[in-house]
Amino acid sequence: MASQSRRGPDAPSVLLISTDHWPAHLMGGAGHPAIRTPTLDSLAGAGVRYTNAYAECPVCIPARRTLMTGATTRTHGDRVFKVQEPMPQLPTVAQTFRDSGYQAYAVGKLHVFPQRDRIGFDDVILAEEGRPILGAIDDYELWLGEEGHPGRSFAHGMSNNEYSYRPWHLSEETHVTNWATDQMCRMIRRRDPTRPGFWFLSYCHPHPPLVPLEWYYNLYRDVEIPLPNRAAWSQEFDNLPYALQMIQTRYGNSFSDEELQGIHRAFYALCTHIDHQLRRVIGTLREERLLDNTIICFTSDHGDMLGQHGLWAKRLYYEQSANIPMLLLGPAGDERTPAGTQDDRLVGWQDVMPTLLDLAGIPIPETVEGTSMVGDAQRPYLFGEVGEGPMASRMIRQDQYKLIYYPTGNRFQLFDLEADPQEMNDLSLAESHATLRQSMTALLVDELYGNDEEWLQDGELVGLPRKEWQPVKNRELSGQRGLHWPPPPLDLSGKQVGMPG
């Protein structure tokens, strides 16, 4: 890596904002008819909105490894969801900024292991969605205890990976969205004034549990909520790829219109809550006289299907799961991020690190595989991969087309997103698109590695044998949390504790 000069107080600061489960279309500025996102709409009007931003691996941990390293899943080693996998030995975005004289702090969800690994940050104020079993009581849980609510963050009874919903059960200021915002505002105000800052604000929501503040749920009570689309291909259950059969049955696909609208209202409420809280962070930057010299990026690790085609959550390459928001503002007057523009190039989370470094004038480590989103270079296509074994899927996104591949049963789907943005019409068997499917399949084959090469025979994709669907047993209620007080005991078996003798 090239040597980096120390950056003085006049260098631009950086605010990177991440959410969890936020699809790209859920912004007023993206044309959604119901969601209210005045803050994000204003930021989009002051910078660039990237319309073709994708999660290369639309699931939390692999995506965050890509964000923090600028590396693909193939390089950082996780395309599944390796909960106890340490970070790869690669320069992180935080360490790279620190090496150039920045102070680097994170607030919220980091999703690394060990949980207290700072991955290059000076400090991390952690909110990990209730995972003390992995070895750490996060800072949000500690704070709740100090406020008189020890272990009560999941006392609402809603699951972290389900779509039941109810209002938040404690006072407004105790909601993790408010807490994370408070911590970030305080962090900015407590900065070292002699150095620029790299700040990472990582909100846990709108990822379930769906427990919005009651005020925000009521905001949508009388709003007409558009129902999810159901393509004909998604309703032929016996003909669906195995992975889709499993997802449809895990979450259920028989919700009434009233139930679907209630779920969407709760989800939108979590989004608008974040949008409003971001105003406090922007206001802090303004009052600290930092705003005009701060690079701002807003994005999400992936989206959520929210019932589209009878599907839920992530790990899929349909637009609602894989297409993510990406807003970028350079320092005021930076012509590389012209106000109110829309950029349609293909970008992903591997591009965030090189983009922020580029805007700050810092050399990009050679290990970074992404491309600056403000440069002239544009990729001809984007490859995505998630999962291994029967649930695996792969994607090629090129021009206005998307090819999705499910190896189990050797199943393809092909969509023209320009003519069919809701992915209602699968063109994979259309004679008119046979040549296109062949060329995109060749791109996909070139990207395969490791166990994926077992899907090939004489250079042709043959996939894995068809697998019979079996009903999903959900005894654990999709990762339901319990009472988190007192903290789980440490396993000290075989270790000396205290003085001998």
Protein backbone atom coordinates (compact mmCIF):
# COMPACT_ATOMS: atom_id res chain seq x y z
CA MET A 1 0.00 0.00 0.00
CA ALA A 2 1.24 3.46 -0.85
CA SER A 3 2.46 5.59 2.02
CA GLN A 4 -0.18 7.98 3.28
CA SER A 5 0.31 11.50 4.56
CA ARG A 6 -1.29 12.60 7.80
CA ARG A 7 -4.49 14.57 7.31
CA GLY A 8 -5.05 17.85 9.08
CA PRO A 9 -8.28 19.38 10.41
CA ASP A 10 -9.14 20.88 7.01
CA ALA A 11 -9.43 17.45 5.38
CA PRO A 12 -13.03 16.32 4.83
CA SER A 13 -14.70 14.23 7.49
CA VAL A 14 -16.76 11.18 6.49
CA LEU A 15 -20.15 9.96 7.76
CA LEU A 16 -21.07 6.46 6.55
CA ILE A 17 -24.65 5.47 7.45
CA SER A 18 -25.83 1.91 7.11
CA THR A 19 -29.24 0.40 7.77
CA ASP A 20 -30.38 -3.23 7.70
CA HIS A 21 -33.10 -4.66 5.38
CA TRP A 22 -33.90 -1.36 3.60
CA PRO A 23 -34.87 -1.91 -0.09
CA ALA A 24 -33.87 0.77 -2.60
CA HIS A 25 -37.42 1.57 -3.66
CA LEU A 26 -38.53 2.53 -0.14
CA MET A 27 -37.78 6.24 -0.48
CA GLY A 28 -40.10 9.02 -1.51
CA GLY A 29 -37.36 10.30 -3.80
CA ALA A 30 -37.30 6.90 -5.54
CA GLY A 31 -40.97 7.30 -6.41
CA HIS A 32 -42.59 5.20 -3.69
CA PRO A 33 -46.21 6.35 -3.23
CA ALA A 34 -46.53 5.77 0.52
CA ILE A 35 -43.22 5.87 2.42
CA ARG A 36 -42.20 9.15 4.03
CA THR A 37 -38.46 9.85 3.94
CA PRO A 38 -38.03 13.65 3.90
CA THR A 39 -34.44 13.55 5.18
CA LEU A 40 -33.22 11.01 2.63
CA ASP A 41 -35.08 12.83 -0.13
CA SER A 42 -33.27 16.03 0.81
CA LEU A 43 -29.91 14.27 0.87
CA ALA A 44 -30.62 12.76 -2.55
CA GLY A 45 -31.44 16.25 -3.80
CA ALA A 46 -28.09 17.50 -2.50
CA GLY A 47 -26.02 14.68 -3.99
CA VAL A 48 -26.16 11.53 -6.13
CA ARG A 49 -28.62 8.66 -5.95
CA TYR A 50 -27.29 5.43 -7.46
CA THR A 51 -30.25 3.49 -8.84
CA ASN A 52 -28.44 0.24 -9.65
CA ALA A 53 -26.73 -0.42 -6.32
CA TYR A 54 -26.71 -4.07 -5.27
CA ALA A 55 -25.80 -6.25 -2.34
CA GLU A 56 -23.33 -8.69 -3.85
CA CYS A 57 -24.24 -11.13 -1.06
CA PRO A 58 -27.60 -10.07 0.40
CA VAL A 59 -27.19 -11.30 3.97
CA CYS A 60 -25.83 -9.38 6.96
CA ILE A 61 -22.36 -10.72 7.82
CA PRO A 62 -20.96 -11.31 4.31
CA ALA A 63 -22.25 -7.93 3.18
CA ARG A 64 -20.61 -6.13 6.09
CA ARG A 65 -17.29 -7.85 5.46
CA THR A 66 -17.48 -6.47 1.93
CA LEU A 67 -18.36 -2.97 3.16
CA MET A 68 -15.50 -2.89 5.65
CA THR A 69 -12.81 -4.29 3.30
CA GLY A 70 -13.87 -3.38 -0.24
CA ALA A 71 -13.37 -7.06 -1.09
CA THR A 72 -15.66 -9.58 -2.74
CA THR A 73 -17.06 -12.62 -0.98
CA ARG A 74 -14.53 -14.79 -2.80
CA THR A 75 -11.69 -12.84 -1.19
CA HIS A 76 -13.05 -12.23 2.31
CA GLY A 77 -14.25 -15.82 2.62
CA ASP A 78 -17.94 -15.69 3.58
CA ARG A 79 -20.88 -16.13 1.20
CA VAL A 80 -23.02 -17.96 3.74
CA PHE A 81 -23.36 -16.32 7.20
CA LYS A 82 -20.37 -17.38 9.29
CA VAL A 83 -21.30 -16.09 12.74
CA GLN A 84 -18.02 -17.05 14.40
CA GLU A 85 -15.64 -16.34 11.54
CA PRO A 86 -12.99 -13.68 12.37
CA MET A 87 -12.51 -10.83 9.94
CA PRO A 88 -10.05 -11.54 7.12
CA GLN A 89 -6.53 -10.14 7.32
CA LEU A 90 -7.29 -7.24 4.97
CA PRO A 91 -7.03 -3.48 5.47
CA THR A 92 -10.38 -2.16 6.64
CA VAL A 93 -11.88 1.18 5.70
CA ALA A 94 -11.55 2.31 9.33
CA GLN A 95 -7.87 1.36 9.59
CA THR A 96 -7.09 2.98 6.24
CA PHE A 97 -8.61 6.26 7.36
CA ARG A 98 -6.79 6.03 10.70
CA ASP A 99 -3.50 5.40 8.91
CA SER A 100 -4.07 8.73 7.20
CA GLY A 101 -4.56 10.60 10.47
CA TYR A 102 -8.32 10.28 10.88
CA GLN A 103 -10.11 9.48 14.11
CA ALA A 104 -12.45 6.56 13.41
CA TYR A 105 -15.49 5.64 15.49
CA ALA A 106 -18.49 3.36 14.97
CA VAL A 107 -21.90 3.22 16.62
CA GLY A 108 -24.47 0.45 16.25
CA LYS A 109 -24.38 -2.92 14.55
CA LEU A 110 -20.95 -4.17 13.47
CA HIS A 111 -21.71 -7.92 13.20
CA VAL A 112 -18.13 -9.20 13.44
CA PHE A 113 -16.51 -11.89 15.57
CA PRO A 114 -15.29 -11.56 18.22
CA GLN A 115 -17.99 -8.96 18.81
CA ARG A 116 -15.56 -6.55 20.46
CA ASP A 117 -13.10 -6.68 17.55
CA ARG A 118 -12.80 -3.01 16.60
CA ILE A 119 -11.61 -3.86 13.05
CA GLY A 120 -9.53 -0.70 12.85
CA PHE A 121 -11.82 1.77 14.63
CA ASP A 122 -10.56 3.74 17.62
CA ASP A 123 -13.70 2.61 19.44
CA VAL A 124 -17.03 0.94 18.73
CA ILE A 125 -20.21 1.67 20.68
CA LEU A 126 -22.05 -1.56 20.01
CA ALA A 127 -25.68 -2.62 19.48
CA GLU A 128 -25.76 -6.24 18.33
CA GLU A 129 -29.49 -7.10 18.37
CA GLY A 130 -29.30 -9.23 21.50
CA ARG A 131 -26.48 -11.71 20.93
CA PRO A 132 -24.84 -12.14 24.38
CA ILE A 133 -24.44 -15.86 23.67
CA LEU A 134 -21.57 -14.92 21.34
CA GLY A 135 -19.53 -13.58 24.22
CA ALA A 136 -20.25 -9.88 24.70
CA ILE A 137 -22.90 -7.76 26.37
CA ASP A 138 -23.29 -4.89 23.93
CA ASP A 139 -23.31 -1.24 24.95
CA TYR A 140 -26.99 -0.78 24.24
CA GLU A 141 -27.93 -3.64 26.59
CA LEU A 142 -25.58 -2.24 29.25
CA TRP A 143 -27.18 1.20 28.89
CA LEU A 144 -30.69 -0.24 29.12
CA GLY A 145 -29.68 -1.90 32.39
CA GLU A 146 -28.34 1.37 33.75
CA GLU A 147 -31.66 3.01 32.81
CA GLY A 148 -33.58 0.46 34.85
CA HIS A 149 -34.49 -2.00 32.08
CA PRO A 150 -31.89 -4.78 32.39
CA GLY A 151 -32.36 -7.51 29.79
CA ARG A 152 -35.64 -5.99 28.54
CA SER A 153 -34.71 -5.13 24.95
CA PHE A 154 -36.70 -8.10 23.62
CA ALA A 155 -39.46 -8.11 26.25
CA HIS A 156 -41.86 -7.06 23.46
CA GLY A 157 -41.89 -10.73 22.37
CA MET A 158 -41.34 -10.11 18.65
CA SER A 159 -38.79 -12.21 16.76
CA ASN A 160 -35.63 -10.93 15.15
CA ASN A 161 -36.43 -12.79 11.91
CA GLU A 162 -40.22 -12.76 11.65
CA TYR A 163 -42.98 -10.37 10.66
CA SER A 164 -45.21 -10.24 13.69
CA TYR A 165 -45.41 -6.65 14.91
CA ARG A 166 -46.45 -4.43 17.79
CA PRO A 167 -45.42 -1.01 19.16
CA TRP A 168 -42.17 -0.56 21.08
CA HIS A 169 -42.78 -1.50 24.72
CA LEU A 170 -40.56 1.01 26.53
CA SER A 171 -40.24 4.80 26.42
CA GLU A 172 -39.24 6.49 23.16
CA GLU A 173 -35.72 7.44 24.19
CA THR A 174 -34.89 3.79 24.90
CA HIS A 175 -35.52 2.62 21.33
CA VAL A 176 -32.27 1.42 19.75
CA THR A 177 -32.71 3.90 16.87
CA ASN A 178 -32.80 6.84 19.28
CA TRP A 179 -29.96 5.40 21.34
CA ALA A 180 -27.66 4.95 18.33
CA THR A 181 -28.42 8.47 17.14
CA ASP A 182 -27.67 9.90 20.60
CA GLN A 183 -24.35 8.05 20.70
CA MET A 184 -23.27 9.24 17.26
CA CYS A 185 -24.19 12.87 17.96
CA ARG A 186 -22.20 12.69 21.18
CA MET A 187 -19.27 11.06 19.39
CA ILE A 188 -19.14 13.86 16.81
CA ARG A 189 -19.27 16.54 19.51
CA ARG A 190 -16.49 14.80 21.47
CA ARG A 191 -14.16 14.58 18.46
CA ASP A 192 -10.53 15.65 18.45
CA PRO A 193 -10.75 19.06 16.69
CA THR A 194 -7.25 18.73 15.25
CA ARG A 195 -8.12 15.73 13.04
CA PRO A 196 -10.89 14.84 10.58
CA GLY A 197 -13.33 12.10 11.50
CA PHE A 198 -14.51 8.87 9.93
CA TRP A 199 -17.82 8.01 11.57
CA PHE A 200 -19.82 4.85 10.89
CA LEU A 201 -23.45 4.92 12.08
CA SER A 202 -25.01 1.48 11.68
CA TYR A 203 -28.71 1.27 12.49
CA CYS A 204 -30.23 -2.13 13.39
CA HIS A 205 -33.60 -1.44 11.75
CA PRO A 206 -35.78 -1.79 9.73
CA HIS A 207 -34.58 -5.39 10.24
CA PRO A 208 -37.16 -7.17 12.41
CA PRO A 209 -38.26 -7.25 15.17
CA LEU A 210 -41.01 -5.00 13.86
CA VAL A 211 -41.41 -2.86 16.97
CA PRO A 212 -41.78 0.76 15.81
CA LEU A 213 -42.63 3.62 18.10
CA GLU A 214 -46.42 3.92 18.23
CA TRP A 215 -46.33 7.47 16.86
CA TYR A 216 -44.63 6.27 13.67
CA TYR A 217 -46.99 3.33 13.24
CA ASN A 218 -49.94 5.69 13.59
CA LEU A 219 -48.38 7.94 10.95
CA TYR A 220 -49.21 5.22 8.42
CA ARG A 221 -52.54 4.13 9.90
CA ASP A 222 -54.63 5.87 7.21
CA VAL A 223 -52.08 5.67 4.39
CA GLU A 224 -52.96 3.44 1.46
CA ILE A 225 -50.22 0.81 1.35
CA PRO A 226 -49.49 -0.83 -2.03
CA LEU A 227 -49.73 -4.60 -1.75
CA PRO A 228 -46.86 -6.84 -2.88
CA ASN A 229 -46.92 -8.18 -6.43
CA ARG A 230 -47.32 -11.88 -7.11
CA ALA A 231 -46.03 -13.01 -10.50
CA ALA A 232 -47.58 -16.07 -12.12
CA TRP A 233 -44.26 -17.91 -11.84
CA SER A 234 -44.21 -17.38 -8.06
CA GLN A 235 -47.65 -18.97 -7.60
CA GLU A 236 -46.76 -22.30 -9.20
CA PHE A 237 -45.37 -23.75 -5.97
CA ASP A 238 -44.54 -27.22 -7.29
CA ASN A 239 -42.52 -25.64 -10.11
CA LEU A 240 -40.54 -23.19 -7.97
CA PRO A 241 -36.81 -23.60 -7.37
CA TYR A 242 -36.16 -25.44 -4.11
CA ALA A 243 -34.78 -22.35 -2.34
CA LEU A 244 -37.97 -20.42 -3.07
CA GLN A 245 -40.17 -23.26 -1.86
CA MET A 246 -38.28 -23.25 1.43
CA ILE A 247 -38.53 -19.48 1.88
CA GLN A 248 -42.22 -19.29 0.98
CA THR A 249 -43.08 -21.99 3.50
CA ARG A 250 -40.78 -20.77 6.26
CA TYR A 251 -42.43 -17.36 6.44
CA GLY A 252 -45.86 -18.29 5.06
CA ASN A 253 -47.51 -16.98 1.92
CA SER A 254 -51.15 -16.87 2.98
CA PHE A 255 -51.25 -13.45 4.66
CA SER A 256 -54.46 -11.51 4.19
CA ASP A 257 -54.36 -8.08 2.60
CA GLU A 258 -54.99 -6.57 6.04
CA GLU A 259 -52.07 -8.49 7.54
CA LEU A 260 -49.76 -7.48 4.69
CA GLN A 261 -50.66 -3.84 5.10
CA GLY A 262 -50.05 -4.01 8.86
CA ILE A 263 -46.60 -5.53 8.31
CA HIS A 264 -45.74 -2.85 5.77
CA ARG A 265 -46.97 -0.08 8.06
CA ALA A 266 -44.72 -1.34 10.87
CA PHE A 267 -41.77 -1.66 8.49
CA TYR A 268 -42.30 1.79 6.96
CA ALA A 269 -42.62 3.22 10.47
CA LEU A 270 -39.14 1.90 11.36
CA CYS A 271 -37.77 3.49 8.18
CA THR A 272 -39.32 6.89 8.81
CA HIS A 273 -38.12 6.80 12.41
CA ILE A 274 -34.54 6.38 11.16
CA ASP A 275 -35.07 9.09 8.57
CA HIS A 276 -36.21 11.56 11.24
CA GLN A 277 -33.42 10.64 13.65
CA LEU A 278 -30.83 11.25 10.91
CA ARG A 279 -31.87 14.90 11.02
CA ARG A 280 -30.29 15.11 14.47
CA VAL A 281 -26.97 13.80 13.14
CA ILE A 282 -27.05 16.24 10.22
CA GLY A 283 -27.96 18.99 12.65
CA THR A 284 -25.02 18.11 14.89
CA LEU A 285 -22.63 18.30 11.94
CA ARG A 286 -24.12 21.67 10.99
CA GLU A 287 -23.88 23.12 14.49
CA GLU A 288 -20.32 21.84 14.82
CA ARG A 289 -19.53 23.62 11.51
CA LEU A 290 -18.56 20.35 9.87
CA LEU A 291 -21.43 19.73 7.48
CA ASP A 292 -20.07 21.48 4.39
CA ASN A 293 -16.80 19.60 4.69
CA THR A 294 -18.25 16.15 5.36
CA ILE A 295 -18.67 13.31 2.87
CA ILE A 296 -21.98 11.51 3.52
CA CYS A 297 -22.99 8.08 2.28
CA PHE A 298 -26.31 6.38 3.12
CA THR A 299 -26.90 2.74 2.21
CA SER A 300 -28.13 -0.67 3.44
CA ASP A 301 -26.65 -4.15 3.62
CA HIS A 302 -29.59 -5.57 1.61
CA GLY A 303 -33.33 -5.17 1.28
CA ASP A 304 -36.35 -7.25 2.27
CA MET A 305 -38.81 -9.02 -0.03
CA LEU A 306 -41.75 -8.02 2.23
CA GLY A 307 -44.12 -10.48 0.58
CA GLN A 308 -43.18 -9.71 -3.04
CA HIS A 309 -43.81 -12.94 -4.99
CA GLY A 310 -44.74 -14.60 -1.70
CA LEU A 311 -41.16 -14.22 -0.44
CA TRP A 312 -39.69 -12.59 2.66
CA ALA A 313 -36.40 -11.30 4.05
CA LYS A 314 -33.13 -11.57 2.12
CA ARG A 315 -30.71 -14.13 0.57
CA LEU A 316 -32.41 -13.56 -2.79
CA TYR A 317 -31.52 -11.61 -5.93
CA TYR A 318 -34.91 -10.12 -6.72
CA GLU A 319 -34.96 -6.35 -6.62
CA GLN A 320 -36.55 -5.96 -3.20
CA SER A 321 -33.85 -8.09 -1.58
CA ALA A 322 -30.73 -7.18 -3.57
CA ASN A 323 -31.27 -3.63 -4.87
CA ILE A 324 -30.17 -1.26 -2.10
CA PRO A 325 -30.26 2.50 -1.48
CA MET A 326 -27.04 4.35 -2.20
CA LEU A 327 -26.89 8.11 -1.62
CA LEU A 328 -23.60 9.98 -1.85
CA LEU A 329 -22.70 13.58 -1.05
CA GLY A 330 -19.18 14.94 -1.33
CA PRO A 331 -18.03 18.08 0.46
CA ALA A 332 -20.03 21.13 -0.57
CA GLY A 333 -19.04 22.16 -4.07
CA ASP A 334 -17.37 18.87 -5.00
CA GLU A 335 -18.24 18.48 -8.68
CA ARG A 336 -17.88 14.70 -8.48
CA THR A 337 -21.21 14.47 -6.61
CA PRO A 338 -23.41 17.02 -8.41
CA ALA A 339 -26.60 17.90 -6.54
CA GLY A 340 -29.82 16.20 -7.50
CA THR A 341 -28.33 13.70 -9.94
CA GLN A 342 -29.17 10.09 -10.64
CA ASP A 343 -26.40 7.68 -11.62
CA ASP A 344 -27.43 4.38 -13.24
CA ARG A 345 -24.06 2.61 -13.25
CA LEU A 346 -23.79 -0.81 -11.57
CA VAL A 347 -22.35 -0.46 -8.06
CA GLY A 348 -22.11 -2.62 -4.95
CA TRP A 349 -20.91 -2.55 -1.37
CA GLN A 350 -17.37 -3.35 -2.51
CA ASP A 351 -17.38 0.15 -4.04
CA VAL A 352 -18.13 2.11 -0.87
CA MET A 353 -14.62 1.93 0.63
CA PRO A 354 -12.76 3.05 -2.52
CA THR A 355 -15.32 5.79 -3.14
CA LEU A 356 -14.96 7.35 0.31
CA LEU A 357 -11.17 7.14 0.14
CA ASP A 358 -11.20 8.66 -3.35
CA LEU A 359 -13.38 11.59 -2.25
CA ALA A 360 -11.07 12.15 0.74
CA GLY A 361 -7.93 12.03 -1.42
CA ILE A 362 -6.50 8.94 0.31
CA PRO A 363 -4.71 6.15 -1.61
CA ILE A 364 -6.82 3.01 -2.02
CA PRO A 365 -5.22 -0.23 -0.71
CA GLU A 366 -4.28 -2.73 -3.38
CA THR A 367 -6.46 -5.36 -1.69
CA VAL A 368 -9.62 -3.41 -2.54
CA GLU A 369 -11.54 -4.97 -5.44
CA GLY A 370 -14.28 -2.39 -5.70
CA THR A 371 -14.30 0.69 -7.90
CA SER A 372 -14.78 4.33 -6.96
CA MET A 373 -18.31 5.41 -7.77
CA VAL A 374 -17.11 8.92 -8.65
CA GLY A 375 -14.50 7.80 -11.15
CA ASP A 376 -14.78 7.15 -14.88
CA ALA A 377 -14.40 3.36 -14.65
CA GLN A 378 -17.65 1.41 -14.79
CA ARG A 379 -18.06 -2.36 -14.59
CA PRO A 380 -19.74 -4.18 -17.51
CA TYR A 381 -21.60 -6.53 -15.16
CA LEU A 382 -21.94 -7.43 -11.47
CA PHE A 383 -21.71 -10.93 -10.03
CA GLY A 384 -23.55 -11.92 -6.87
CA GLU A 385 -23.39 -15.09 -4.79
CA VAL A 386 -25.16 -16.21 -1.63
CA GLY A 387 -25.29 -19.57 0.07
CA GLU A 388 -23.83 -22.98 -0.59
CA GLY A 389 -25.48 -26.33 -1.13
CA PRO A 390 -29.22 -26.70 -1.87
CA MET A 391 -30.15 -23.10 -0.93
CA ALA A 392 -27.45 -21.42 -3.03
CA SER A 393 -28.19 -18.82 -5.69
CA ARG A 394 -26.05 -16.76 -8.03
CA MET A 395 -26.67 -13.61 -10.09
CA ILE A 396 -25.35 -11.75 -13.10
CA ARG A 397 -26.61 -8.18 -13.52
CA GLN A 398 -25.74 -6.70 -16.95
CA ASP A 399 -27.26 -3.69 -18.74
CA GLN A 400 -31.01 -3.85 -18.01
CA TYR A 401 -30.97 -7.62 -17.56
CA LYS A 402 -30.63 -9.90 -14.57
CA LEU A 403 -29.88 -13.62 -14.65
CA ILE A 404 -30.59 -15.60 -11.47
CA TYR A 405 -29.34 -19.16 -11.10
CA TYR A 406 -30.43 -21.82 -8.61
CA PRO A 407 -28.12 -24.85 -8.86
CA THR A 408 -30.58 -27.23 -7.18
CA GLY A 409 -32.55 -28.49 -10.14
CA ASN A 410 -30.39 -26.35 -12.49
CA ARG A 411 -32.95 -23.53 -12.63
CA PHE A 412 -32.57 -20.15 -14.35
CA GLN A 413 -34.58 -16.94 -14.34
CA LEU A 414 -34.03 -13.98 -16.64
CA PHE A 415 -35.62 -10.56 -16.24
CA ASP A 416 -35.61 -7.35 -18.28
CA LEU A 417 -35.70 -4.77 -15.50
CA GLU A 418 -36.25 -1.86 -17.86
CA ALA A 419 -39.45 -3.34 -19.26
CA ASP A 420 -40.36 -5.33 -16.14
CA PRO A 421 -39.07 -3.71 -12.92
CA GLN A 422 -41.33 -5.90 -10.73
CA GLU A 423 -39.84 -9.10 -12.22
CA MET A 424 -43.21 -10.47 -13.27
CA ASN A 425 -42.14 -12.06 -16.56
CA ASP A 426 -39.40 -14.73 -16.53
CA LEU A 427 -37.68 -14.72 -19.94
CA SER A 428 -35.31 -17.62 -19.31
CA LEU A 429 -37.19 -19.98 -21.64
CA ALA A 430 -38.09 -17.36 -24.26
CA GLU A 431 -36.58 -18.13 -27.66
CA SER A 432 -36.18 -14.38 -28.25
CA HIS A 433 -33.72 -14.20 -25.34
CA ALA A 434 -31.86 -17.49 -25.83
CA THR A 435 -28.66 -15.84 -27.06
CA LEU A 436 -28.69 -13.35 -24.19
CA ARG A 437 -29.22 -16.09 -21.62
CA GLN A 438 -26.32 -18.04 -23.14
CA SER A 439 -23.93 -15.08 -22.97
CA MET A 440 -24.91 -14.19 -19.41
CA THR A 441 -24.59 -17.82 -18.35
CA ALA A 442 -21.06 -17.82 -19.74
CA LEU A 443 -20.25 -14.81 -17.53
CA LEU A 444 -21.66 -16.65 -14.52
CA VAL A 445 -19.64 -19.79 -15.26
CA ASP A 446 -16.46 -17.71 -15.41
CA GLU A 447 -17.14 -16.48 -11.86
CA LEU A 448 -17.63 -19.90 -10.25
CA TYR A 449 -15.01 -21.29 -7.90
CA GLY A 450 -14.57 -23.84 -5.12
CA ASN A 451 -17.52 -26.18 -4.61
CA ASP A 452 -19.49 -24.31 -7.28
CA GLU A 453 -17.33 -25.95 -9.93
CA GLU A 454 -19.10 -29.22 -9.11
CA TRP A 455 -22.12 -27.72 -10.90
CA LEU A 456 -20.21 -27.97 -14.18
CA GLN A 457 -19.88 -30.90 -16.53
CA ASP A 458 -17.69 -30.49 -19.62
CA GLY A 459 -17.89 -26.72 -19.11
CA GLU A 460 -21.70 -26.67 -19.05
CA LEU A 461 -23.88 -25.87 -16.05
CA VAL A 462 -25.75 -28.95 -14.88
CA GLY A 463 -26.24 -27.87 -11.26
CA LEU A 464 -27.30 -30.20 -8.48
CA PRO A 465 -30.01 -32.89 -8.49
CA ARG A 466 -33.55 -31.73 -7.88
CA LYS A 467 -34.43 -31.83 -4.18
CA GLU A 468 -37.84 -32.62 -2.80
CA TRP A 469 -39.28 -29.94 -0.58
CA GLN A 470 -40.06 -30.87 3.01
CA PRO A 471 -42.23 -28.80 5.39
CA VAL A 472 -40.19 -26.39 7.50
CA LYS A 473 -40.26 -26.90 11.27
CA ASN A 474 -39.82 -23.57 13.07
CA ARG A 475 -39.59 -24.54 16.72
CA GLU A 476 -37.19 -21.68 17.45
CA LEU A 477 -39.57 -19.01 16.08
CA SER A 478 -36.94 -17.71 13.65
CA GLY A 479 -34.30 -16.91 16.25
CA GLN A 480 -36.60 -15.65 19.02
CA ARG A 481 -34.73 -13.84 21.82
CA GLY A 482 -35.53 -14.33 25.50
CA LEU A 483 -34.80 -12.54 28.77
CA HIS A 484 -31.26 -11.15 28.71
CA TRP A 485 -30.82 -10.67 32.43
CA PRO A 486 -28.75 -11.77 34.17
CA PRO A 487 -26.02 -12.14 31.51
CA PRO A 488 -25.15 -15.71 30.51
CA PRO A 489 -22.32 -17.16 32.62
CA LEU A 490 -18.85 -17.51 31.16
CA ASP A 491 -17.60 -21.03 30.49
CA LEU A 492 -14.53 -21.14 32.73
CA SER A 493 -14.22 -24.91 32.88
CA GLY A 494 -10.59 -25.97 32.99
CA LYS A 495 -9.39 -22.44 33.75
CA GLN A 496 -7.97 -21.04 36.97
CA VAL A 497 -10.17 -18.36 38.49
CA GLY A 498 -8.78 -16.25 41.31
CA MET A 499 -5.70 -17.00 43.43
CA PRO A 500 -4.57 -20.63 43.70
CA GLY A 501 -4.64 -22.43 47.04
